[in-house]
Amino acid sequence: TYFMQLDFNTTISTRKDNPPSHTKIKYITMAFKSAILLAGCLSATAAATKQKPSQSRFLRNRKRHDARRGAAINEKLHQDPKSSSPQHQLDITAEDVGFWTRSLQSSFTPLPTPPPTRRSTNNPIAPSPVSTPFPTDVPETPGPTPNPTAVPETSGPTPNPTPGPTPNPTPGPTPSPTPEPTPLELVPTPSPTTTAPTFIPTASPTFPCNLTPDERADEIRELLSTISEPSLFDDPDTPQAKALDWITNDDAIEPILCPNEAGDGCTRGGTVNPLVQRYVVATFYFATEGDDWNKCTAADDFDDEGSVGDANDNCDRIVTPFGVGNDRVGDTSTDAWLGPVNECEWGGIACWGEDTANLNLCIDQLDFESDGLSGVLAKEIGNLEVLRFLILERGTISGPIPTEFGDLERLLILDMDFNDLSGEIPDELFGLKSLQQLDLNDNEITGTLSSRVGELKFLTFLQLDHNLLSDTIPSEIGNLENLRIAFLSENDFTGEMPDEVCALRNNTSPPGVLGVLVTDCQGNDPEVICPCCSSCA
């Protein structure tokens, strides 16, 4: 069969270059007859033995179409007028070649096609191109498409058998049983590619201040242990422990304040961390029972804007204006305490402004009057070193005046009248060289008035009436050349008013500036004999 097919193809190739001879036409006729006979035998054998594999509907239709086409060609050959001429007895075209080629190929049992290898969607493997030889000298052969498209993935065998090799035409029989194929450069259709998920490694969590929450809490405690006694942090009921817990866990200010770096707030030229001042006033809030104040109490939920807004609406406390020459921050602000803003904006607080760069946002004034403050005075107030006005009037604050208040070197006014303060006046207060007003009337202060009171050279207002002070009035008051008003009545003072004090009166010669001097000099047996007093109680 091979040599018949070879002789057939050779004859066709030769005919294209030279007119066919009778010998060549004879060979062609023999090849056709042999091919038809062989195809019939093979078909009959396959039908008899029923061993031919089933074919798809597509192949069966294709064969019927080829059979009808072959019949049409035979009819054409018998009816063609040119067929009476020996020259044109057989006119073979490209379509004829394709028809007989397919007929021969379909007579063979199809070679099994290996099942396709399932491709991985993550790493697609391009199919290797299969070289399919085809006759290069026959144009427009209606055979299989020479450039096959990559077969999509299926789970069963491929229904179309691979056509057998078509040898390249040669002038004579080729001794080699397998002709050299002409490889085709096929561009495979790429399989769909599913991009493998890219797993981005989870970055290490970042925390504010570059500290974990526990590390931040430890460093805040360590920092604030320089302000308060550390043991006070261990009792959750102390104002110090409450303030520490709030500033560590509940303070909603942004950006968050860090114990290891200077943030926004009072730094006193970089010498102190802003956390210190905020902690101090928070301690003051809890020490004076801030949740029970009449106004400006803290919000129930610091993270809830509605709750914070309601608390702000309940705060209208502004500081007493004193006509200071420097810029100030918060002197007209009325935000509730412990809110998520700088503490200078809380009602009752005013701070130094930008014109005093080293003191910017440091508290200048703490001012409450008749706002229901109770509890005790927090000694931590002494850390507000640049505080000038401390006014806490008409409350029920009890306990002693902390000695730490003597550290308020810039203090001008100390006004805490109409409270329940007890104990002695700390000696440290008389070291406040800038103090101009000492107003502690209507408390329960005991002890004596220290002779160091004469060191308050700038004092203009001294009001200590309605307390439990005893002993004599110190003559050192006579050193207070700027003193204008002195209320010393309703105490337990005894003796005579020192001449040094009487010399300050504005009715003397030369006149002084002391216009008001009041003691317990009323009656025939007064507790204090004071011929120079402006009035007696």
Protein backbone atom coordinates (compact mmCIF):
# COMPACT_ATOMS: atom_id res chain seq x y z
CA THR A 1 0.00 0.00 0.00
CA TYR A 2 2.82 2.34 0.82
CA PHE A 3 4.43 2.02 -2.61
CA MET A 4 1.08 2.49 -4.32
CA GLN A 5 0.56 5.71 -2.37
CA LEU A 6 4.16 6.74 -3.04
CA ASP A 7 3.75 6.09 -6.76
CA PHE A 8 0.50 8.06 -6.71
CA ASN A 9 2.09 11.11 -5.04
CA THR A 10 5.17 10.88 -7.24
CA THR A 11 3.03 10.86 -10.33
CA ILE A 12 1.09 13.91 -9.17
CA SER A 13 4.28 15.80 -8.37
CA THR A 14 5.80 14.91 -11.76
CA ARG A 15 2.66 15.97 -13.61
CA LYS A 16 2.98 19.52 -12.28
CA ASP A 17 6.35 19.92 -13.95
CA ASN A 18 5.89 17.89 -17.17
CA PRO A 19 2.84 16.68 -19.16
CA PRO A 20 1.91 13.17 -18.09
CA SER A 21 2.89 10.29 -20.33
CA HIS A 22 0.72 7.25 -21.01
CA THR A 23 2.97 5.29 -18.66
CA LYS A 24 2.36 7.70 -15.82
CA ILE A 25 -1.36 7.72 -16.46
CA LYS A 26 -1.27 3.96 -16.34
CA TYR A 27 0.45 3.99 -12.97
CA ILE A 28 -2.02 6.51 -11.69
CA THR A 29 -4.95 4.38 -12.80
CA MET A 30 -3.45 1.32 -11.15
CA ALA A 31 -2.85 3.25 -7.92
CA PHE A 32 -6.44 4.42 -7.82
CA LYS A 33 -7.82 0.98 -8.42
CA SER A 34 -5.53 -0.60 -5.83
CA ALA A 35 -6.42 2.03 -3.28
CA ILE A 36 -10.14 1.63 -3.84
CA LEU A 37 -9.86 -2.16 -3.65
CA LEU A 38 -7.76 -2.01 -0.47
CA ALA A 39 -10.11 0.45 1.22
CA GLY A 40 -13.09 -1.73 0.43
CA CYS A 41 -11.39 -4.85 1.79
CA LEU A 42 -10.39 -3.14 5.00
CA SER A 43 -13.86 -1.69 5.52
CA ALA A 44 -15.50 -5.04 4.93
CA THR A 45 -13.12 -6.78 7.29
CA ALA A 46 -13.73 -4.23 10.04
CA ALA A 47 -17.49 -4.49 9.65
CA ALA A 48 -17.34 -8.31 9.73
CA THR A 49 -15.25 -8.59 12.83
CA LYS A 50 -16.92 -5.56 14.53
CA GLN A 51 -13.53 -4.68 15.96
CA LYS A 52 -13.39 -1.16 14.55
CA PRO A 53 -13.65 1.40 17.37
CA SER A 54 -16.74 3.51 17.50
CA GLN A 55 -16.51 6.87 15.87
CA SER A 56 -18.04 10.17 16.84
CA ARG A 57 -21.01 11.69 15.09
CA PHE A 58 -18.67 14.25 13.58
CA LEU A 59 -16.45 11.61 11.92
CA ARG A 60 -19.41 9.62 10.65
CA ASN A 61 -20.89 12.72 9.01
CA ARG A 62 -17.48 13.63 7.61
CA LYS A 63 -17.08 10.20 5.97
CA ARG A 64 -20.53 10.35 4.44
CA HIS A 65 -19.67 13.80 3.08
CA ASP A 66 -16.38 12.49 1.61
CA ALA A 67 -18.20 9.53 0.01
CA ARG A 68 -20.69 11.81 -1.69
CA ARG A 69 -17.83 14.05 -2.83
CA GLY A 70 -15.98 11.05 -4.34
CA ALA A 71 -19.07 10.00 -6.25
CA ALA A 72 -19.44 13.50 -7.62
CA ILE A 73 -15.82 13.48 -8.81
CA ASN A 74 -16.26 10.11 -10.59
CA GLU A 75 -19.35 11.44 -12.32
CA LYS A 76 -17.44 14.51 -13.38
CA LEU A 77 -14.67 12.39 -14.86
CA HIS A 78 -17.14 10.47 -17.04
CA GLN A 79 -19.03 13.57 -18.17
CA ASP A 80 -16.04 15.89 -18.74
CA PRO A 81 -15.76 16.58 -22.50
CA LYS A 82 -12.02 16.68 -22.22
CA SER A 83 -11.92 13.08 -21.11
CA SER A 84 -12.12 11.84 -24.74
CA SER A 85 -8.67 13.20 -25.34
CA PRO A 86 -5.74 11.04 -24.27
CA GLN A 87 -4.07 14.23 -22.99
CA HIS A 88 -6.93 14.90 -20.56
CA GLN A 89 -8.10 11.40 -19.81
CA LEU A 90 -7.48 12.01 -16.06
CA ASP A 91 -7.35 15.55 -14.64
CA ILE A 92 -6.36 15.34 -10.97
CA THR A 93 -6.82 18.45 -8.81
CA ALA A 94 -5.85 19.38 -5.25
CA GLU A 95 -9.33 18.45 -4.03
CA ASP A 96 -8.92 14.95 -5.51
CA VAL A 97 -5.67 14.47 -3.71
CA GLY A 98 -7.26 15.55 -0.42
CA PHE A 99 -10.22 13.23 -0.92
CA TRP A 100 -8.13 10.10 -1.64
CA THR A 101 -5.69 10.95 1.10
CA ARG A 102 -8.51 11.10 3.68
CA SER A 103 -10.04 7.91 2.30
CA LEU A 104 -6.76 6.04 2.73
CA GLN A 105 -6.17 7.47 6.19
CA SER A 106 -9.64 6.67 7.44
CA SER A 107 -9.17 3.03 6.40
CA PHE A 108 -6.56 2.47 9.09
CA THR A 109 -7.34 1.79 12.68
CA PRO A 110 -6.85 5.08 14.57
CA LEU A 111 -3.86 5.18 16.83
CA PRO A 112 -4.79 5.53 20.47
CA THR A 113 -4.39 9.06 21.75
CA PRO A 114 -2.92 9.29 25.26
CA PRO A 115 -5.21 11.06 27.70
CA PRO A 116 -4.30 14.68 28.16
CA THR A 117 -2.31 15.63 31.20
CA ARG A 118 -4.30 17.90 33.49
CA ARG A 119 -2.56 21.20 33.84
CA SER A 120 -1.97 22.89 37.15
CA THR A 121 -3.65 26.25 37.32
CA ASN A 122 -0.87 27.60 39.46
CA ASN A 123 2.00 26.71 37.18
CA PRO A 124 0.66 26.28 33.64
CA ILE A 125 2.81 24.17 31.32
CA ALA A 126 2.65 25.08 27.67
CA PRO A 127 1.94 22.02 25.43
CA SER A 128 4.82 20.82 23.32
CA PRO A 129 4.11 21.39 19.62
CA VAL A 130 3.63 18.24 17.57
CA SER A 131 5.11 18.34 14.10
CA THR A 132 2.60 17.18 11.48
CA PRO A 133 4.11 16.62 8.00
CA PHE A 134 1.99 17.75 5.11
CA PRO A 135 2.58 17.99 1.33
CA THR A 136 4.23 21.32 0.71
CA ASP A 137 3.72 21.21 -3.08
CA VAL A 138 -0.06 20.84 -3.13
CA PRO A 139 -1.87 24.15 -2.62
CA GLU A 140 -5.14 24.58 -0.72
CA THR A 141 -5.55 20.99 0.42
CA PRO A 142 -8.90 20.76 2.19
CA GLY A 143 -7.44 18.44 4.77
CA PRO A 144 -6.82 18.98 8.44
CA THR A 145 -5.67 22.46 9.40
CA PRO A 146 -1.87 22.33 9.47
CA ASN A 147 -1.64 24.70 12.44
CA PRO A 148 -3.64 22.95 15.16
CA THR A 149 -5.02 24.90 18.08
CA ALA A 150 -4.15 23.53 21.46
CA VAL A 151 -6.86 21.04 22.47
CA PRO A 152 -8.80 22.13 25.56
CA GLU A 153 -8.67 19.92 28.58
CA THR A 154 -11.13 17.00 28.58
CA SER A 155 -11.45 13.97 30.73
CA GLY A 156 -11.78 11.48 27.80
CA PRO A 157 -9.66 10.58 24.79
CA THR A 158 -9.43 12.92 21.84
CA PRO A 159 -11.98 11.85 19.19
CA ASN A 160 -9.95 13.01 16.17
CA PRO A 161 -7.12 10.57 15.37
CA THR A 162 -3.81 12.02 14.40
CA PRO A 163 -3.44 11.65 10.62
CA GLY A 164 -0.67 9.47 9.35
CA PRO A 165 2.49 11.02 7.95
CA THR A 166 2.43 12.32 4.40
CA PRO A 167 5.88 11.92 2.87
CA ASN A 168 7.55 14.79 1.08
CA PRO A 169 7.41 14.26 -2.70
CA THR A 170 10.59 12.92 -4.29
CA PRO A 171 11.43 12.06 -7.96
CA GLY A 172 11.56 8.37 -7.20
CA PRO A 173 10.82 5.85 -4.50
CA THR A 174 12.50 6.74 -1.22
CA PRO A 175 14.17 3.79 0.46
CA SER A 176 13.62 5.31 3.91
CA PRO A 177 10.29 4.08 5.35
CA THR A 178 9.79 7.34 7.28
CA PRO A 179 10.22 10.64 5.42
CA GLU A 180 11.85 13.57 7.19
CA PRO A 181 8.98 15.63 8.63
CA THR A 182 8.80 19.33 8.20
CA PRO A 183 8.40 20.71 11.72
CA LEU A 184 5.80 23.38 12.29
CA GLU A 185 6.41 26.21 14.66
CA LEU A 186 3.16 26.17 16.61
CA VAL A 187 2.14 28.87 19.03
CA PRO A 188 0.09 27.07 21.68
CA THR A 189 -3.01 28.70 23.01
CA PRO A 190 -2.11 29.55 26.57
CA SER A 191 -4.10 27.84 29.26
CA PRO A 192 -5.96 30.13 31.64
CA THR A 193 -3.67 31.20 34.38
CA THR A 194 -4.88 31.58 37.92
CA THR A 195 -2.59 33.85 39.84
CA ALA A 196 -1.48 32.14 42.98
CA PRO A 197 -2.36 34.17 46.07
CA THR A 198 0.46 36.24 47.32
CA PHE A 199 0.83 35.88 51.05
CA ILE A 200 2.19 39.08 52.54
CA PRO A 201 3.80 38.30 55.82
CA THR A 202 2.05 40.00 58.67
CA ALA A 203 4.19 42.88 59.82
CA SER A 204 5.04 43.14 63.45
CA PRO A 205 2.34 45.17 65.18
CA THR A 206 3.18 48.79 65.74
CA PHE A 207 2.22 50.48 68.96
CA PRO A 208 2.03 54.11 69.98
CA CYS A 209 5.30 55.40 71.39
CA ASN A 210 7.01 52.29 69.93
CA LEU A 211 6.04 50.55 73.16
CA THR A 212 3.68 47.70 73.80
CA PRO A 213 0.73 48.62 76.03
CA ASP A 214 2.40 46.95 78.99
CA GLU A 215 5.70 48.69 78.32
CA ARG A 216 3.97 52.05 77.99
CA ALA A 217 2.07 51.48 81.25
CA ASP A 218 5.29 50.54 83.05
CA GLU A 219 7.14 53.59 81.78
CA ILE A 220 4.28 55.93 82.65
CA ARG A 221 4.22 54.56 86.18
CA GLU A 222 7.96 54.93 86.45
CA LEU A 223 7.77 58.54 85.22
CA LEU A 224 4.93 59.51 87.53
CA SER A 225 6.59 57.82 90.48
CA THR A 226 8.82 60.89 90.54
CA ILE A 227 5.68 62.99 91.17
CA SER A 228 3.69 60.80 93.57
CA GLU A 229 4.59 58.24 96.18
CA PRO A 230 4.70 54.94 94.20
CA SER A 231 2.86 53.03 96.90
CA LEU A 232 -0.22 55.20 96.27
CA PHE A 233 -0.57 53.57 92.85
CA ASP A 234 -1.19 50.20 94.50
CA ASP A 235 -4.41 51.33 96.17
CA PRO A 236 -7.06 51.75 93.45
CA ASP A 237 -9.09 54.10 95.65
CA THR A 238 -6.45 56.83 95.86
CA PRO A 239 -6.67 59.87 93.57
CA GLN A 240 -3.17 59.04 92.33
CA ALA A 241 -4.13 55.49 91.28
CA LYS A 242 -7.28 56.74 89.56
CA ALA A 243 -5.35 59.41 87.69
CA LEU A 244 -2.69 56.88 86.63
CA ASP A 245 -5.32 54.46 85.36
CA TRP A 246 -7.12 57.20 83.43
CA ILE A 247 -4.04 58.61 81.75
CA THR A 248 -2.78 55.12 80.88
CA ASN A 249 -5.97 53.48 79.68
CA ASP A 250 -8.80 56.00 79.18
CA ASP A 251 -7.30 59.28 78.04
CA ALA A 252 -8.63 59.81 74.50
CA ILE A 253 -6.38 62.72 73.48
CA GLU A 254 -4.78 62.50 70.04
CA PRO A 255 -1.95 62.09 69.43
CA ILE A 256 -1.43 59.86 72.39
CA LEU A 257 1.07 61.08 74.96
CA CYS A 258 4.23 59.03 75.39
CA PRO A 259 6.39 58.62 78.47
CA ASN A 260 9.52 58.26 76.33
CA GLU A 261 9.22 61.35 74.14
CA ALA A 262 8.08 64.94 74.33
CA GLY A 263 4.65 65.44 72.81
CA ASP A 264 2.30 68.38 72.65
CA GLY A 265 1.88 70.16 75.94
CA CYS A 266 3.86 71.71 78.73
CA THR A 267 7.53 70.83 78.49
CA ARG A 268 9.03 73.91 80.22
CA GLY A 269 11.60 74.25 77.53
CA GLY A 270 12.10 70.50 77.22
CA THR A 271 12.74 69.84 80.90
CA VAL A 272 9.54 67.95 81.66
CA ASN A 273 7.25 65.51 79.90
CA PRO A 274 3.72 66.78 79.07
CA LEU A 275 2.34 63.71 80.79
CA VAL A 276 3.36 65.18 84.14
CA GLN A 277 1.11 68.25 84.00
CA ARG A 278 -1.84 66.24 82.66
CA TYR A 279 -1.42 63.70 85.43
CA VAL A 280 -1.21 66.44 88.07
CA VAL A 281 -4.52 68.06 87.14
CA ALA A 282 -6.15 64.61 86.80
CA THR A 283 -5.03 63.86 90.35
CA PHE A 284 -6.50 67.21 91.45
CA TYR A 285 -9.80 66.22 89.76
CA PHE A 286 -10.06 62.89 91.58
CA ALA A 287 -8.79 64.34 94.89
CA THR A 288 -11.51 67.00 94.93
CA GLU A 289 -14.25 64.51 93.93
CA GLY A 290 -14.50 65.84 90.38
CA ASP A 291 -17.35 63.52 89.45
CA ASP A 292 -19.48 65.39 92.04
CA TRP A 293 -18.64 68.94 90.91
CA ASN A 294 -21.52 71.20 90.02
CA LYS A 295 -20.04 71.86 86.59
CA CYS A 296 -17.37 70.60 84.20
CA THR A 297 -17.44 66.99 85.34
CA ALA A 298 -15.88 64.42 83.04
CA ALA A 299 -17.87 62.62 80.34
CA ASP A 300 -19.22 59.15 81.01
CA ASP A 301 -17.52 57.82 77.86
CA PHE A 302 -14.39 59.57 76.63
CA ASP A 303 -14.61 57.85 73.23
CA ASP A 304 -18.24 58.82 72.62
CA GLU A 305 -18.56 62.23 70.95
CA GLY A 306 -22.13 62.58 72.19
CA SER A 307 -21.13 61.92 75.78
CA VAL A 308 -18.22 64.35 75.54
CA GLY A 309 -20.49 66.96 73.95
CA ASP A 310 -23.04 66.65 76.77
CA ALA A 311 -20.30 67.09 79.34
CA ASN A 312 -18.99 70.19 77.56
CA ASP A 313 -22.48 71.67 77.56
CA ASN A 314 -22.49 71.36 81.33
CA CYS A 315 -19.31 73.41 81.73
CA ASP A 316 -19.24 77.20 81.62
CA ARG A 317 -16.38 77.85 84.06
CA ILE A 318 -13.89 80.43 82.87
CA VAL A 319 -11.02 81.84 84.87
CA THR A 320 -11.07 85.20 86.60
CA PRO A 321 -9.46 87.77 84.33
CA PHE A 322 -6.52 89.55 85.95
CA GLY A 323 -5.39 91.66 83.04
CA VAL A 324 -2.05 89.93 82.64
CA GLY A 325 0.15 91.23 79.84
CA ASN A 326 1.10 87.88 78.26
CA ASP A 327 -0.88 85.76 75.82
CA ARG A 328 -2.83 82.94 77.38
CA VAL A 329 -4.44 79.74 76.21
CA GLY A 330 -7.79 78.47 77.48
CA ASP A 331 -8.72 81.54 79.52
CA THR A 332 -12.13 81.52 77.80
CA SER A 333 -12.45 77.79 77.13
CA THR A 334 -15.10 75.71 78.84
CA ASP A 335 -14.51 72.06 77.93
CA ALA A 336 -15.32 69.40 80.49
CA TRP A 337 -12.48 67.91 82.46
CA LEU A 338 -10.57 64.84 81.32
CA GLY A 339 -11.84 65.46 77.78
CA PRO A 340 -9.83 64.57 74.64
CA VAL A 341 -8.24 68.02 74.33
CA ASN A 342 -5.25 69.67 75.91
CA GLU A 343 -5.89 70.32 79.60
CA CYS A 344 -5.54 74.06 78.97
CA GLU A 345 -8.99 73.91 77.30
CA TRP A 346 -10.72 72.45 80.37
CA GLY A 347 -13.00 74.86 82.20
CA GLY A 348 -11.30 76.72 85.06
CA ILE A 349 -7.79 76.44 83.57
CA ALA A 350 -5.70 78.98 81.70
CA CYS A 351 -2.17 78.42 80.40
CA TRP A 352 0.78 80.48 79.29
CA GLY A 353 0.75 81.35 75.61
CA GLU A 354 3.21 81.24 72.74
CA ASP A 355 4.80 84.57 73.58
CA THR A 356 6.50 82.80 76.49
CA ALA A 357 7.97 79.98 74.43
CA ASN A 358 9.50 77.99 77.27
CA LEU A 359 6.21 78.08 79.18
CA ASN A 360 3.76 77.59 76.32
CA LEU A 361 0.79 75.42 77.39
CA CYS A 362 1.98 75.29 81.00
CA ILE A 363 -0.81 76.02 83.50
CA ASP A 364 -0.91 79.63 84.66
CA GLN A 365 -4.24 79.67 86.49
CA LEU A 366 -6.44 77.11 88.26
CA ASP A 367 -9.69 78.82 89.19
CA PHE A 368 -12.88 77.47 90.82
CA GLU A 369 -15.45 79.25 92.95
CA SER A 370 -18.69 77.77 94.29
CA ASP A 371 -18.40 74.72 92.01
CA GLY A 372 -18.85 72.07 94.69
CA LEU A 373 -15.23 71.05 95.11
CA SER A 374 -14.72 68.75 98.09
CA GLY A 375 -12.23 66.11 99.11
CA VAL A 376 -8.68 67.18 99.76
CA LEU A 377 -5.93 69.18 98.11
CA ALA A 378 -3.56 67.02 96.06
CA LYS A 379 0.05 67.69 96.94
CA GLU A 380 0.89 67.07 93.25
CA ILE A 381 -0.31 70.65 92.56
CA GLY A 382 3.12 71.71 93.77
CA ASN A 383 4.55 70.39 90.46
CA LEU A 384 2.82 73.16 88.51
CA GLU A 385 5.92 75.24 89.01
CA VAL A 386 4.85 78.17 86.81
CA LEU A 387 1.34 78.48 88.27
CA ARG A 388 0.57 82.10 89.20
CA PHE A 389 -3.08 81.95 90.26
CA LEU A 390 -4.52 79.24 92.52
CA ILE A 391 -8.12 80.10 93.34
CA LEU A 392 -10.31 77.45 94.97
CA GLU A 393 -13.04 79.36 96.76
CA ARG A 394 -16.26 78.38 98.46
CA GLY A 395 -16.12 74.62 98.49
CA THR A 396 -15.84 71.95 101.14
CA ILE A 397 -12.20 71.02 100.64
CA SER A 398 -10.78 69.71 103.88
CA GLY A 399 -7.48 68.63 105.26
CA PRO A 400 -4.19 70.48 105.46
CA ILE A 401 -2.57 72.72 102.93
CA PRO A 402 0.18 70.62 101.34
CA THR A 403 3.69 71.79 102.10
CA GLU A 404 4.46 71.17 98.38
CA PHE A 405 2.54 74.36 97.59
CA GLY A 406 5.71 76.11 98.72
CA ASP A 407 7.27 74.99 95.40
CA LEU A 408 5.00 77.31 93.42
CA GLU A 409 7.67 79.95 93.13
CA ARG A 410 5.73 82.12 90.66
CA LEU A 411 2.52 82.09 92.66
CA LEU A 412 0.91 85.53 92.92
CA ILE A 413 -2.48 84.68 94.41
CA LEU A 414 -3.37 81.87 96.80
CA ASP A 415 -7.09 82.11 97.49
CA MET A 416 -8.79 79.20 99.23
CA ASP A 417 -11.30 80.90 101.51
CA PHE A 418 -14.61 79.46 102.62
CA ASN A 419 -13.52 75.85 102.76
CA ASP A 420 -12.85 73.37 105.56
CA LEU A 421 -9.07 73.48 105.51
CA SER A 422 -7.37 72.51 108.73
CA GLY A 423 -3.91 72.30 110.21
CA GLU A 424 -1.27 74.99 110.27
CA ILE A 425 -0.20 77.30 107.54
CA PRO A 426 2.84 75.55 106.09
CA ASP A 427 6.02 77.45 106.78
CA GLU A 428 6.98 76.81 103.15
CA LEU A 429 4.30 79.22 101.95
CA PHE A 430 6.23 82.13 103.38
CA GLY A 431 9.02 81.37 100.97
CA LEU A 432 6.87 82.41 98.02
CA LYS A 433 8.71 85.63 97.29
CA SER A 434 6.30 86.72 94.56
CA LEU A 435 3.10 86.17 96.54
CA GLN A 436 0.81 89.21 96.55
CA GLN A 437 -2.41 87.75 97.99
CA LEU A 438 -2.79 85.21 100.78
CA ASP A 439 -6.48 84.59 101.31
CA LEU A 440 -7.36 81.76 103.70
CA ASN A 441 -10.27 83.19 105.66
CA ASP A 442 -13.20 81.09 106.84
CA ASN A 443 -11.45 77.79 107.30
CA GLU A 444 -10.33 75.82 110.35
CA ILE A 445 -6.64 76.66 110.27
CA THR A 446 -4.87 76.31 113.57
CA GLY A 447 -1.46 77.08 115.00
CA THR A 448 0.39 80.36 114.96
CA LEU A 449 1.22 82.87 112.32
CA SER A 450 4.89 82.39 111.53
CA SER A 451 7.30 85.28 111.82
CA ARG A 452 8.37 84.38 108.31
CA VAL A 453 5.31 86.17 107.04
CA GLY A 454 7.57 89.23 106.94
CA GLU A 455 9.43 87.67 104.02
CA LEU A 456 6.48 88.19 101.69
CA LYS A 457 7.80 91.55 100.50
CA PHE A 458 5.24 91.91 97.69
CA LEU A 459 2.22 90.93 99.75
CA THR A 460 -0.60 93.45 99.41
CA PHE A 461 -3.58 91.41 100.69
CA LEU A 462 -3.55 89.26 103.84
CA GLN A 463 -6.85 87.73 104.89
CA LEU A 464 -6.74 85.15 107.69
CA ASP A 465 -9.92 85.95 109.61
CA HIS A 466 -12.40 83.34 110.84
CA ASN A 467 -9.86 80.64 111.64
CA LEU A 468 -8.39 79.19 114.83
CA LEU A 469 -5.02 80.95 114.80
CA SER A 470 -3.55 81.70 118.22
CA ASP A 471 -0.71 83.44 120.06
CA THR A 472 0.43 86.95 119.23
CA ILE A 473 0.54 88.81 115.96
CA PRO A 474 4.15 88.76 114.72
CA SER A 475 5.89 92.13 114.48
CA GLU A 476 7.51 91.00 111.20
CA ILE A 477 4.28 92.02 109.46
CA GLY A 478 5.74 95.52 109.78
CA ASN A 479 8.21 94.57 107.01
CA LEU A 480 5.40 94.29 104.47
CA GLU A 481 5.71 97.77 103.01
CA ASN A 482 3.27 96.94 100.19
CA LEU A 483 0.55 95.61 102.49
CA ARG A 484 -2.76 97.43 102.00
CA ILE A 485 -5.34 95.15 103.59
CA ALA A 486 -4.98 92.86 106.61
CA PHE A 487 -7.89 90.92 108.12
CA LEU A 488 -6.82 89.12 111.29
CA SER A 489 -10.08 89.05 113.27
CA GLU A 490 -12.18 86.10 114.49
CA ASN A 491 -9.15 84.15 115.61
CA ASP A 492 -7.57 83.45 118.97
CA PHE A 493 -4.82 86.07 118.72
CA THR A 494 -3.90 87.82 121.94
CA GLY A 495 -1.70 90.69 123.10
CA GLU A 496 -1.10 94.04 121.46
CA MET A 497 -0.73 95.04 117.85
CA PRO A 498 3.01 95.54 117.27
CA ASP A 499 4.09 99.14 116.65
CA GLU A 500 5.86 97.99 113.46
CA VAL A 501 2.49 97.02 112.07
CA CYS A 502 0.81 100.26 113.14
CA ALA A 503 3.59 102.17 111.37
CA LEU A 504 2.28 100.84 108.06
CA ARG A 505 -1.02 102.63 108.45
CA ASN A 506 -1.85 105.26 105.88
CA ASN A 507 -2.78 107.74 108.59
CA THR A 508 0.67 107.93 110.03
CA SER A 509 3.45 110.33 109.31
CA PRO A 510 5.00 109.52 107.02
CA PRO A 511 1.94 107.65 105.81
CA GLY A 512 2.07 104.04 104.79
CA VAL A 513 -0.16 102.18 102.43
CA LEU A 514 -2.00 99.95 104.91
CA GLY A 515 -5.56 101.19 104.65
CA VAL A 516 -7.46 98.30 106.30
CA LEU A 517 -6.34 96.64 109.53
CA VAL A 518 -8.92 94.57 111.43
CA THR A 519 -8.47 92.46 114.61
CA ASP A 520 -10.49 91.29 117.64
CA CYS A 521 -10.16 94.57 119.49
CA GLN A 522 -13.85 95.14 120.27
CA GLY A 523 -15.02 95.80 123.84
CA ASN A 524 -13.57 96.71 127.16
CA ASP A 525 -11.48 93.57 127.41
CA PRO A 526 -10.42 92.90 123.87
CA GLU A 527 -8.35 89.90 122.94
CA VAL A 528 -6.04 92.20 120.99
CA ILE A 529 -5.29 95.76 121.92
CA CYS A 530 -5.02 97.72 118.69
CA PRO A 531 -5.15 101.53 118.84
CA CYS A 532 -4.20 101.76 115.11
CA CYS A 533 -6.73 99.32 113.66
CA SER A 534 -9.16 100.67 111.10
CA SER A 535 -11.95 98.62 112.70
CA CYS A 536 -12.47 96.03 115.43
CA ALA A 537 -14.45 92.82 115.38
